[in-house]
Amino acid sequence: MMRHEDEVVRRQRERARILALLLGAFVVLLFFITIAKTGMNW
């Protein structure tokens, strides 16, 4: 039975990692959109 629980935990960790990457990419996208709208030239 322990192997089944380990598999569930592994899937949850993988899902959490994917969700974190997606949220991070979304934040970066919003950051660049904000810079483009304000017209800051770096």
C-alpha atoms as a PDB file:
ATOM      1  CA  MET A   1       0.000   0.000   0.000  1.00  0.00           C
ATOM      2  CA  MET A   2       2.878   2.373   0.647  1.00  0.00           C
ATOM      3  CA  ARG A   3       3.908   2.357  -3.012  1.00  0.00           C
ATOM      4  CA  HIS A   4       0.500   3.686  -4.049  1.00  0.00           C
ATOM      5  CA  GLU A   5       0.770   6.540  -1.540  1.00  0.00           C
ATOM      6  CA  ASP A   6       4.294   7.360  -2.727  1.00  0.00           C
ATOM      7  CA  GLU A   7       2.988   7.545  -6.303  1.00  0.00           C
ATOM      8  CA  VAL A   8       0.215   9.941  -5.241  1.00  0.00           C
ATOM      9  CA  VAL A   9       2.696  12.189  -3.421  1.00  0.00           C
ATOM     10  CA  ARG A  10       5.020  12.165  -6.446  1.00  0.00           C
ATOM     11  CA  ARG A  11       2.173  13.211  -8.749  1.00  0.00           C
ATOM     12  CA  GLN A  12       1.129  15.986  -6.375  1.00  0.00           C
ATOM     13  CA  ARG A  13       4.681  17.324  -6.243  1.00  0.00           C
ATOM     14  CA  GLU A  14       4.967  17.236 -10.027  1.00  0.00           C
ATOM     15  CA  ARG A  15       1.622  19.030 -10.405  1.00  0.00           C
ATOM     16  CA  ALA A  16       2.650  21.652  -7.844  1.00  0.00           C
ATOM     17  CA  ARG A  17       5.926  22.258  -9.675  1.00  0.00           C
ATOM     18  CA  ILE A  18       4.137  22.725 -13.018  1.00  0.00           C
ATOM     19  CA  LEU A  19       1.632  25.105 -11.425  1.00  0.00           C
ATOM     20  CA  ALA A  20       4.460  27.124  -9.851  1.00  0.00           C
ATOM     21  CA  LEU A  21       6.207  27.439 -13.218  1.00  0.00           C
ATOM     22  CA  LEU A  22       3.009  28.558 -14.920  1.00  0.00           C
ATOM     23  CA  LEU A  23       2.314  31.165 -12.234  1.00  0.00           C
ATOM     24  CA  GLY A  24       5.893  32.419 -12.450  1.00  0.00           C
ATOM     25  CA  ALA A  25       5.646  32.758 -16.233  1.00  0.00           C
ATOM     26  CA  PHE A  26       2.357  34.648 -15.824  1.00  0.00           C
ATOM     27  CA  VAL A  27       3.954  37.095 -13.366  1.00  0.00           C
ATOM     28  CA  VAL A  28       6.880  37.701 -15.729  1.00  0.00           C
ATOM     29  CA  LEU A  29       4.474  38.272 -18.618  1.00  0.00           C
ATOM     30  CA  LEU A  30       2.500  40.832 -16.605  1.00  0.00           C
ATOM     31  CA  PHE A  31       5.756  42.532 -15.614  1.00  0.00           C
ATOM     32  CA  PHE A  32       6.833  42.952 -19.239  1.00  0.00           C
ATOM     33  CA  ILE A  33       3.380  44.133 -20.301  1.00  0.00           C
ATOM     34  CA  THR A  34       3.457  46.761 -17.547  1.00  0.00           C
ATOM     35  CA  ILE A  35       6.898  47.969 -18.657  1.00  0.00           C
ATOM     36  CA  ALA A  36       5.723  48.175 -22.264  1.00  0.00           C
ATOM     37  CA  LYS A  37       2.617  50.172 -21.326  1.00  0.00           C
ATOM     38  CA  THR A  38       4.485  52.672 -19.162  1.00  0.00           C
ATOM     39  CA  GLY A  39       7.033  53.186 -21.929  1.00  0.00           C
ATOM     40  CA  MET A  40      10.133  52.755 -19.788  1.00  0.00           C
ATOM     41  CA  ASN A  41      13.225  52.459 -21.992  1.00  0.00           C
ATOM     42  CA  TRP A  42      15.946  50.305 -20.469  1.00  0.00           C
END
